[in-house]
C-alpha atoms as a PDB file:
ATOM      1  CA  UNK A   1     112.398 167.875  69.994  1.00  0.00           C
ATOM      2  CA  UNK A   2     113.378 171.529  70.215  1.00  0.00           C
ATOM      3  CA  UNK A   3     113.046 171.538  74.021  1.00  0.00           C
ATOM      4  CA  UNK A   4     115.052 168.324  74.260  1.00  0.00           C
ATOM      5  CA  UNK A   5     117.861 169.743  72.136  1.00  0.00           C
ATOM      6  CA  UNK A   6     117.950 172.945  74.182  1.00  0.00           C
ATOM      7  CA  UNK A   7     118.028 171.001  77.437  1.00  0.00           C
ATOM      8  CA  UNK A   8     120.885 168.799  76.239  1.00  0.00           C
ATOM      9  CA  UNK A   9     122.877 171.881  75.222  1.00  0.00           C
ATOM     10  CA  UNK A  10     122.408 173.461  78.651  1.00  0.00           C
ATOM     11  CA  UNK A  11     123.505 170.240  80.335  1.00  0.00           C
ATOM     12  CA  UNK A  12     126.747 170.126  78.345  1.00  0.00           C
ATOM     13  CA  UNK A  13     127.489 173.786  79.064  1.00  0.00           C
ATOM     14  CA  UNK A  14     126.583 173.404  82.731  1.00  0.00           C
ATOM     15  CA  UNK A  15     128.882 170.439  83.210  1.00  0.00           C
ATOM     16  CA  UNK A  16     131.696 172.266  81.429  1.00  0.00           C
ATOM     17  CA  UNK A  17     131.105 175.215  83.734  1.00  0.00           C
ATOM     18  CA  UNK A  18     132.005 173.198  86.827  1.00  0.00           C
ATOM     19  CA  UNK A  19     134.468 170.714  85.407  1.00  0.00           C
ATOM     20  CA  UNK A  20     137.514 172.875  84.810  1.00  0.00           C
ATOM     21  CA  UNK A  21     139.254 171.930  88.062  1.00  0.00           C
ATOM     22  CA  UNK A  22     138.224 168.283  88.087  1.00  0.00           C
ATOM     23  CA  UNK A  23     141.827 167.112  87.719  1.00  0.00           C
ATOM     24  CA  UNK A  24     142.839 168.719  91.025  1.00  0.00           C
ATOM     25  CA  UNK A  25     139.860 167.930  93.229  1.00  0.00           C
ATOM     26  CA  UNK A  26     139.099 164.806  95.264  1.00  0.00           C
ATOM     27  CA  UNK A  27     136.500 163.402  97.652  1.00  0.00           C
ATOM     28  CA  UNK A  28     137.031 160.256  99.716  1.00  0.00           C
ATOM     29  CA  UNK A  29     135.646 158.430 102.732  1.00  0.00           C
ATOM     30  CA  UNK A  30     138.093 156.459 104.903  1.00  0.00           C
ATOM     31  CA  UNK A  31     136.359 153.876 107.106  1.00  0.00           C
ATOM     32  CA  UNK A  32     137.744 152.571 110.385  1.00  0.00           C
ATOM     33  CA  UNK A  33     135.258 150.254 112.068  1.00  0.00           C
ATOM     34  CA  UNK A  34     132.282 152.326 113.158  1.00  0.00           C
ATOM     35  CA  UNK A  35     134.000 155.631 112.390  1.00  0.00           C
ATOM     36  CA  UNK A  36     134.595 157.347 109.056  1.00  0.00           C
ATOM     37  CA  UNK A  37     136.487 160.432 107.907  1.00  0.00           C
ATOM     38  CA  UNK A  38     135.317 162.437 104.914  1.00  0.00           C
ATOM     39  CA  UNK A  39     138.008 164.481 103.128  1.00  0.00           C
ATOM     40  CA  UNK A  40     137.331 166.724 100.143  1.00  0.00           C
ATOM     41  CA  UNK A  41     139.375 169.271  98.234  1.00  0.00           C
ATOM     42  CA  UNK A  42     138.144 171.431  95.408  1.00  0.00           C
ATOM     43  CA  UNK A  43     136.555 174.719  94.355  1.00  0.00           C
ATOM     44  CA  UNK A  44     133.191 173.723  95.863  1.00  0.00           C
ATOM     45  CA  UNK A  45     134.050 171.575  98.901  1.00  0.00           C
ATOM     46  CA  UNK A  46     130.520 171.531 100.364  1.00  0.00           C
ATOM     47  CA  UNK A  47     129.172 170.406  96.999  1.00  0.00           C
ATOM     48  CA  UNK A  48     131.878 167.705  96.766  1.00  0.00           C
ATOM     49  CA  UNK A  49     131.223 166.491 100.320  1.00  0.00           C
ATOM     50  CA  UNK A  50     127.481 166.199  99.766  1.00  0.00           C
ATOM     51  CA  UNK A  51     127.919 164.368  96.469  1.00  0.00           C
ATOM     52  CA  UNK A  52     130.325 161.890  98.080  1.00  0.00           C
ATOM     53  CA  UNK A  53     127.862 161.201 100.905  1.00  0.00           C
ATOM     54  CA  UNK A  54     125.035 160.717  98.392  1.00  0.00           C
ATOM     55  CA  UNK A  55     127.065 158.355  96.208  1.00  0.00           C
ATOM     56  CA  UNK A  56     128.599 156.407  99.093  1.00  0.00           C
ATOM     57  CA  UNK A  57     125.557 156.019 101.356  1.00  0.00           C
ATOM     58  CA  UNK A  58     122.482 156.657  99.170  1.00  0.00           C
ATOM     59  CA  UNK A  59     121.265 159.621 101.254  1.00  0.00           C
ATOM     60  CA  UNK A  60     119.440 162.698  99.925  1.00  0.00           C
ATOM     61  CA  UNK A  61     121.455 165.926 100.252  1.00  0.00           C
ATOM     62  CA  UNK A  62     121.119 169.044  98.093  1.00  0.00           C
ATOM     63  CA  UNK A  63     123.616 171.900  98.002  1.00  0.00           C
ATOM     64  CA  UNK A  64     123.157 175.441  96.694  1.00  0.00           C
ATOM     65  CA  UNK A  65     126.120 177.631  95.777  1.00  0.00           C
ATOM     66  CA  UNK A  66     126.611 181.120  97.192  1.00  0.00           C
ATOM     67  CA  UNK A  67     127.062 183.998  94.764  1.00  0.00           C
ATOM     68  CA  UNK A  68     130.712 185.022  94.384  1.00  0.00           C
ATOM     69  CA  UNK A  69     131.570 188.743  94.439  1.00  0.00           C
ATOM     70  CA  UNK A  70     134.949 189.058  96.192  1.00  0.00           C
ATOM     71  CA  UNK A  71     138.096 188.594  94.126  1.00  0.00           C
ATOM     72  CA  UNK A  72     139.946 186.639  96.834  1.00  0.00           C
ATOM     73  CA  UNK A  73     137.196 183.992  96.873  1.00  0.00           C
ATOM     74  CA  UNK A  74     137.883 182.920  93.274  1.00  0.00           C
ATOM     75  CA  UNK A  75     140.839 181.779  91.168  1.00  0.00           C
ATOM     76  CA  UNK A  76     141.749 181.653  87.489  1.00  0.00           C
ATOM     77  CA  UNK A  77     140.775 178.447  85.686  1.00  0.00           C
ATOM     78  CA  UNK A  78     141.384 178.819  81.955  1.00  0.00           C
ATOM     79  CA  UNK A  79     140.881 181.014  78.913  1.00  0.00           C
ATOM     80  CA  UNK A  80     137.729 180.231  76.947  1.00  0.00           C
ATOM     81  CA  UNK A  81     137.707 179.926  73.160  1.00  0.00           C
ATOM     82  CA  UNK A  82     136.258 183.441  73.061  1.00  0.00           C
ATOM     83  CA  UNK A  83     139.363 184.743  74.861  1.00  0.00           C
ATOM     84  CA  UNK A  84     137.505 185.352  78.112  1.00  0.00           C
ATOM     85  CA  UNK A  85     139.229 184.472  81.383  1.00  0.00           C
ATOM     86  CA  UNK A  86     137.123 181.909  83.267  1.00  0.00           C
ATOM     87  CA  UNK A  87     137.200 182.039  87.053  1.00  0.00           C
ATOM     88  CA  UNK A  88     136.183 179.364  89.557  1.00  0.00           C
ATOM     89  CA  UNK A  89     135.798 179.386  93.357  1.00  0.00           C
ATOM     90  CA  UNK A  90     139.069 179.035  95.253  1.00  0.00           C
ATOM     91  CA  UNK A  91     139.860 175.408  96.138  1.00  0.00           C
ATOM     92  CA  UNK A  92     139.619 174.507  99.846  1.00  0.00           C
ATOM     93  CA  UNK A  93     140.205 171.363 101.915  1.00  0.00           C
ATOM     94  CA  UNK A  94     137.447 170.209 104.298  1.00  0.00           C
ATOM     95  CA  UNK A  95     137.643 167.208 106.629  1.00  0.00           C
ATOM     96  CA  UNK A  96     135.126 165.798 109.111  1.00  0.00           C
ATOM     97  CA  UNK A  97     134.453 162.598 111.035  1.00  0.00           C
ATOM     98  CA  UNK A  98     131.164 160.791 111.616  1.00  0.00           C
ATOM     99  CA  UNK A  99     129.780 157.561 113.049  1.00  0.00           C
ATOM    100  CA  UNK A 100     128.712 154.451 111.142  1.00  0.00           C
ATOM    101  CA  UNK A 101     126.455 151.554 112.013  1.00  0.00           C
ATOM    102  CA  UNK A 102     127.872 148.029 112.107  1.00  0.00           C
ATOM    103  CA  UNK A 103     126.573 147.410 108.576  1.00  0.00           C
ATOM    104  CA  UNK A 104     128.530 150.423 107.269  1.00  0.00           C
ATOM    105  CA  UNK A 105     125.555 152.769 106.863  1.00  0.00           C
ATOM    106  CA  UNK A 106     125.478 156.279 108.341  1.00  0.00           C
ATOM    107  CA  UNK A 107     124.328 156.216 111.964  1.00  0.00           C
ATOM    108  CA  UNK A 108     122.672 159.653 111.966  1.00  0.00           C
ATOM    109  CA  UNK A 109     122.514 161.458 108.625  1.00  0.00           C
ATOM    110  CA  UNK A 110     121.016 164.585 110.200  1.00  0.00           C
ATOM    111  CA  UNK A 111     124.029 164.884 112.491  1.00  0.00           C
ATOM    112  CA  UNK A 112     126.414 164.277 109.586  1.00  0.00           C
ATOM    113  CA  UNK A 113     124.855 167.128 107.575  1.00  0.00           C
ATOM    114  CA  UNK A 114     124.988 169.373 110.656  1.00  0.00           C
ATOM    115  CA  UNK A 115     128.688 168.553 111.105  1.00  0.00           C
ATOM    116  CA  UNK A 116     129.289 169.401 107.440  1.00  0.00           C
ATOM    117  CA  UNK A 117     127.494 172.735 107.901  1.00  0.00           C
ATOM    118  CA  UNK A 118     129.503 173.577 111.033  1.00  0.00           C
ATOM    119  CA  UNK A 119     132.786 172.627 109.358  1.00  0.00           C
ATOM    120  CA  UNK A 120     131.989 174.715 106.280  1.00  0.00           C
ATOM    121  CA  UNK A 121     130.845 177.728 108.305  1.00  0.00           C
ATOM    122  CA  UNK A 122     134.025 177.586 110.386  1.00  0.00           C
ATOM    123  CA  UNK A 123     136.481 177.271 107.487  1.00  0.00           C
ATOM    124  CA  UNK A 124     134.843 179.063 104.554  1.00  0.00           C
ATOM    125  CA  UNK A 125     134.008 182.768 104.093  1.00  0.00           C
ATOM    126  CA  UNK A 126     130.366 181.789 103.561  1.00  0.00           C
ATOM    127  CA  UNK A 127     127.573 180.593 105.851  1.00  0.00           C
ATOM    128  CA  UNK A 128     125.014 177.849 105.318  1.00  0.00           C
ATOM    129  CA  UNK A 129     121.788 176.785 106.962  1.00  0.00           C
ATOM    130  CA  UNK A 130     120.061 173.407 106.705  1.00  0.00           C
ATOM    131  CA  UNK A 131     116.539 172.969 105.368  1.00  0.00           C
ATOM    132  CA  UNK A 132     114.965 169.592 106.077  1.00  0.00           C
ATOM    133  CA  UNK A 133     111.968 168.017 104.321  1.00  0.00           C
ATOM    134  CA  UNK A 134     111.382 164.461 105.527  1.00  0.00           C
ATOM    135  CA  UNK A 135     114.608 162.624 104.589  1.00  0.00           C
ATOM    136  CA  UNK A 136     115.920 165.364 102.289  1.00  0.00           C
ATOM    137  CA  UNK A 137     118.530 167.827 103.589  1.00  0.00           C
ATOM    138  CA  UNK A 138     119.461 171.019 101.734  1.00  0.00           C
ATOM    139  CA  UNK A 139     122.506 173.163 102.535  1.00  0.00           C
ATOM    140  CA  UNK A 140     121.478 176.722 101.718  1.00  0.00           C
ATOM    141  CA  UNK A 141     123.935 179.672 101.579  1.00  0.00           C
ATOM    142  CA  UNK A 142     122.928 182.624 103.767  1.00  0.00           C
ATOM    143  CA  UNK A 143     126.073 184.785 103.743  1.00  0.00           C
ATOM    144  CA  UNK A 144     128.780 185.674 101.232  1.00  0.00           C
ATOM    145  CA  UNK A 145     131.397 188.405 100.809  1.00  0.00           C
ATOM    146  CA  UNK A 146     130.771 191.570  98.827  1.00  0.00           C
ATOM    147  CA  UNK A 147     133.206 193.243  96.405  1.00  0.00           C
ATOM    148  CA  UNK A 148     135.122 194.770  99.351  1.00  0.00           C
ATOM    149  CA  UNK A 149     135.419 191.441 101.183  1.00  0.00           C
ATOM    150  CA  UNK A 150     132.825 192.265 103.851  1.00  0.00           C
ATOM    151  CA  UNK A 151     130.587 189.448 105.098  1.00  0.00           C
ATOM    152  CA  UNK A 152     127.011 190.245 104.058  1.00  0.00           C
ATOM    153  CA  UNK A 153     123.639 188.551 104.227  1.00  0.00           C
ATOM    154  CA  UNK A 154     122.597 186.698 101.096  1.00  0.00           C
ATOM    155  CA  UNK A 155     119.036 186.021 100.003  1.00  0.00           C
ATOM    156  CA  UNK A 156     119.188 182.476  98.579  1.00  0.00           C
ATOM    157  CA  UNK A 157     117.806 182.264  95.052  1.00  0.00           C
ATOM    158  CA  UNK A 158     115.488 179.377  95.864  1.00  0.00           C
ATOM    159  CA  UNK A 159     114.047 181.176  98.912  1.00  0.00           C
ATOM    160  CA  UNK A 160     112.075 183.394  96.545  1.00  0.00           C
ATOM    161  CA  UNK A 161     108.397 182.749  95.869  1.00  0.00           C
ATOM    162  CA  UNK A 162     107.351 181.513  92.444  1.00  0.00           C
ATOM    163  CA  UNK A 163     104.108 180.900  90.652  1.00  0.00           C
ATOM    164  CA  UNK A 164     103.802 178.200  88.001  1.00  0.00           C
ATOM    165  CA  UNK A 165     100.406 178.193  86.256  1.00  0.00           C
ATOM    166  CA  UNK A 166      98.490 174.956  86.509  1.00  0.00           C
ATOM    167  CA  UNK A 167      98.987 172.716  83.519  1.00  0.00           C
ATOM    168  CA  UNK A 168      99.928 169.258  82.312  1.00  0.00           C
ATOM    169  CA  UNK A 169     103.483 169.284  80.998  1.00  0.00           C
ATOM    170  CA  UNK A 170     106.721 167.355  81.103  1.00  0.00           C
ATOM    171  CA  UNK A 171     108.487 167.880  84.408  1.00  0.00           C
ATOM    172  CA  UNK A 172     111.431 169.756  82.904  1.00  0.00           C
ATOM    173  CA  UNK A 173     108.944 172.158  81.272  1.00  0.00           C
ATOM    174  CA  UNK A 174     107.486 172.912  84.720  1.00  0.00           C
ATOM    175  CA  UNK A 175     111.062 173.460  85.938  1.00  0.00           C
ATOM    176  CA  UNK A 176     111.725 175.868  83.062  1.00  0.00           C
ATOM    177  CA  UNK A 177     108.712 177.970  84.106  1.00  0.00           C
ATOM    178  CA  UNK A 178     110.029 177.980  87.684  1.00  0.00           C
ATOM    179  CA  UNK A 179     113.519 179.133  86.666  1.00  0.00           C
ATOM    180  CA  UNK A 180     112.079 181.784  84.324  1.00  0.00           C
ATOM    181  CA  UNK A 181     110.120 183.209  87.260  1.00  0.00           C
ATOM    182  CA  UNK A 182     113.317 183.403  89.334  1.00  0.00           C
ATOM    183  CA  UNK A 183     115.223 185.084  86.511  1.00  0.00           C
ATOM    184  CA  UNK A 184     112.540 187.741  86.172  1.00  0.00           C
ATOM    185  CA  UNK A 185     112.808 188.482  89.903  1.00  0.00           C
ATOM    186  CA  UNK A 186     116.595 188.405  90.303  1.00  0.00           C
ATOM    187  CA  UNK A 187     118.218 188.907  86.905  1.00  0.00           C
ATOM    188  CA  UNK A 188     120.185 185.688  87.498  1.00  0.00           C
ATOM    189  CA  UNK A 189     119.903 183.167  84.663  1.00  0.00           C
ATOM    190  CA  UNK A 190     119.124 179.767  86.119  1.00  0.00           C
ATOM    191  CA  UNK A 191     119.514 176.624  83.987  1.00  0.00           C
ATOM    192  CA  UNK A 192     118.428 173.086  84.819  1.00  0.00           C
ATOM    193  CA  UNK A 193     118.675 170.045  84.892  1.00  0.00           C
ATOM    194  CA  UNK A 194     120.722 167.206  83.274  1.00  0.00           C
ATOM    195  CA  UNK A 195     120.739 164.805  80.358  1.00  0.00           C
ATOM    196  CA  UNK A 196     119.504 161.246  80.010  1.00  0.00           C
ATOM    197  CA  UNK A 197     119.598 158.773  82.899  1.00  0.00           C
ATOM    198  CA  UNK A 198     119.480 155.143  81.858  1.00  0.00           C
ATOM    199  CA  UNK A 199     118.650 156.240  78.338  1.00  0.00           C
ATOM    200  CA  UNK A 200     115.642 158.268  79.500  1.00  0.00           C
ATOM    201  CA  UNK A 201     115.631 162.073  79.437  1.00  0.00           C
ATOM    202  CA  UNK A 202     115.317 163.331  83.024  1.00  0.00           C
ATOM    203  CA  UNK A 203     112.065 165.177  83.605  1.00  0.00           C
ATOM    204  CA  UNK A 204     110.284 163.614  80.628  1.00  0.00           C
ATOM    205  CA  UNK A 205     107.401 162.359  82.780  1.00  0.00           C
ATOM    206  CA  UNK A 206     104.153 164.195  81.983  1.00  0.00           C
ATOM    207  CA  UNK A 207     102.307 165.401  85.068  1.00  0.00           C
ATOM    208  CA  UNK A 208      99.889 168.070  86.255  1.00  0.00           C
ATOM    209  CA  UNK A 209     101.537 170.711  88.439  1.00  0.00           C
ATOM    210  CA  UNK A 210     100.888 174.125  89.929  1.00  0.00           C
ATOM    211  CA  UNK A 211     102.767 176.419  92.321  1.00  0.00           C
ATOM    212  CA  UNK A 212     101.005 179.397  93.874  1.00  0.00           C
ATOM    213  CA  UNK A 213     103.355 181.909  95.478  1.00  0.00           C
ATOM    214  CA  UNK A 214     105.449 178.999  96.805  1.00  0.00           C
ATOM    215  CA  UNK A 215     109.142 178.993  97.755  1.00  0.00           C
ATOM    216  CA  UNK A 216     111.043 177.862  94.664  1.00  0.00           C
ATOM    217  CA  UNK A 217     112.935 175.227  96.658  1.00  0.00           C
ATOM    218  CA  UNK A 218     109.701 173.577  97.802  1.00  0.00           C
ATOM    219  CA  UNK A 219     108.282 173.599  94.267  1.00  0.00           C
ATOM    220  CA  UNK A 220     111.497 172.149  92.835  1.00  0.00           C
ATOM    221  CA  UNK A 221     111.524 169.356  95.408  1.00  0.00           C
ATOM    222  CA  UNK A 222     107.929 168.460  94.550  1.00  0.00           C
ATOM    223  CA  UNK A 223     108.904 168.223  90.895  1.00  0.00           C
ATOM    224  CA  UNK A 224     111.873 165.975  91.667  1.00  0.00           C
ATOM    225  CA  UNK A 225     109.575 163.698  93.627  1.00  0.00           C
ATOM    226  CA  UNK A 226     107.241 163.522  90.631  1.00  0.00           C
ATOM    227  CA  UNK A 227     109.942 161.942  88.460  1.00  0.00           C
ATOM    228  CA  UNK A 228     110.058 158.152  89.052  1.00  0.00           C
ATOM    229  CA  UNK A 229     113.282 156.383  89.853  1.00  0.00           C
ATOM    230  CA  UNK A 230     114.939 154.169  87.256  1.00  0.00           C
ATOM    231  CA  UNK A 231     114.706 150.381  87.340  1.00  0.00           C
ATOM    232  CA  UNK A 232     118.120 148.689  87.360  1.00  0.00           C
ATOM    233  CA  UNK A 233     119.784 145.404  86.478  1.00  0.00           C
ATOM    234  CA  UNK A 234     121.544 143.665  89.369  1.00  0.00           C
ATOM    235  CA  UNK A 235     124.049 140.850  88.674  1.00  0.00           C
ATOM    236  CA  UNK A 236     123.196 137.415  90.083  1.00  0.00           C
ATOM    237  CA  UNK A 237     126.275 135.993  91.776  1.00  0.00           C
ATOM    238  CA  UNK A 238     128.110 133.120  90.107  1.00  0.00           C
ATOM    239  CA  UNK A 239     125.672 132.964  87.166  1.00  0.00           C
ATOM    240  CA  UNK A 240     126.708 135.720  84.775  1.00  0.00           C
ATOM    241  CA  UNK A 241     123.028 136.676  84.576  1.00  0.00           C
ATOM    242  CA  UNK A 242     121.193 139.727  85.917  1.00  0.00           C
ATOM    243  CA  UNK A 243     117.784 140.404  87.379  1.00  0.00           C
ATOM    244  CA  UNK A 244     115.596 143.482  87.052  1.00  0.00           C
ATOM    245  CA  UNK A 245     115.043 145.395  90.296  1.00  0.00           C
ATOM    246  CA  UNK A 246     112.167 147.857  90.243  1.00  0.00           C
ATOM    247  CA  UNK A 247     112.745 151.336  91.671  1.00  0.00           C
ATOM    248  CA  UNK A 248     111.467 151.681  95.222  1.00  0.00           C
ATOM    249  CA  UNK A 249     108.603 154.239  95.158  1.00  0.00           C
ATOM    250  CA  UNK A 250     109.013 154.854  98.887  1.00  0.00           C
ATOM    251  CA  UNK A 251     112.459 156.456  98.717  1.00  0.00           C
ATOM    252  CA  UNK A 252     113.993 159.633  97.335  1.00  0.00           C
ATOM    253  CA  UNK A 253     115.455 159.123  93.856  1.00  0.00           C
ATOM    254  CA  UNK A 254     116.939 162.526  92.939  1.00  0.00           C
ATOM    255  CA  UNK A 255     118.943 165.350  94.455  1.00  0.00           C
ATOM    256  CA  UNK A 256     120.364 168.611  93.117  1.00  0.00           C
ATOM    257  CA  UNK A 257     123.609 170.582  93.220  1.00  0.00           C
ATOM    258  CA  UNK A 258     123.239 174.242  92.256  1.00  0.00           C
ATOM    259  CA  UNK A 259     126.492 175.841  91.071  1.00  0.00           C
ATOM    260  CA  UNK A 260     126.944 179.526  90.284  1.00  0.00           C
ATOM    261  CA  UNK A 261     129.586 180.943  87.957  1.00  0.00           C
ATOM    262  CA  UNK A 262     131.823 183.627  89.520  1.00  0.00           C
ATOM    263  CA  UNK A 263     131.643 186.943  87.715  1.00  0.00           C
ATOM    264  CA  UNK A 264     128.433 186.055  85.883  1.00  0.00           C
ATOM    265  CA  UNK A 265     124.739 186.145  86.748  1.00  0.00           C
ATOM    266  CA  UNK A 266     124.315 182.470  85.935  1.00  0.00           C
ATOM    267  CA  UNK A 267     123.669 179.372  88.030  1.00  0.00           C
ATOM    268  CA  UNK A 268     123.111 175.781  86.945  1.00  0.00           C
ATOM    269  CA  UNK A 269     121.005 173.204  88.810  1.00  0.00           C
ATOM    270  CA  UNK A 270     122.382 169.738  88.169  1.00  0.00           C
ATOM    271  CA  UNK A 271     119.898 166.969  89.043  1.00  0.00           C
ATOM    272  CA  UNK A 272     121.506 163.592  89.764  1.00  0.00           C
ATOM    273  CA  UNK A 273     120.273 160.164  90.766  1.00  0.00           C
ATOM    274  CA  UNK A 274     120.625 158.916  94.348  1.00  0.00           C
ATOM    275  CA  UNK A 275     122.096 155.405  94.188  1.00  0.00           C
ATOM    276  CA  UNK A 276     120.067 152.622  95.771  1.00  0.00           C
ATOM    277  CA  UNK A 277     122.022 150.790  98.431  1.00  0.00           C
ATOM    278  CA  UNK A 278     121.385 147.156  99.469  1.00  0.00           C
END
């Protein structure tokens, strides 16, 4: 119960951390036959673009935030109850086009993610690479700007090796051991993951797990794949009734968006469901 309460608290704080500019941001896909245009505007445009693609097309894309050091890369958001000025990344507009199949699905998701990376690298003061594991794509920051505004290499947090002792625990407890290992190495506090999905606490599945000097990103992905998808009720047309559709064990069910707070050594990994598409 104590772990569950702590996790819920972190989820609320983490969502508040990134929600301060929600009223100004947008993400939309405009379809025109077999072509589509993705437009996003907000403090984390790569994050917004990936989330829109996930929600619209049911694809698996993760995004990790860069660390923010340069004053011109952030903007004032609000004053916290403590009196502290809260900063957020500076809002940016990104637009890109991509091809669709006749049924409206994405023709080549790998190419779409590559186009997003190229667009972001061209327009933002950061740089991203793409990591690919089967059907999962992760946009990983590799460059940022230092306090003087110079472009510098960045060691991504989840590139670091972690060790999680073998044990049988709830998935979010394995994740906590992983993030504690990263904090010890970097000094950056890393919180994870999210609240209940379909009335079930995410990461509550009990499983045996071990990571031996493994990249944190790889270990985290294995843990996400250990958490089953949620069954769902689908309306039956013209009847007012619904039927239960079991989660497909052969597809990816979860993705993450890692967001870092400017001016603080704190990042939050938000795990979200990937919608199932017909």
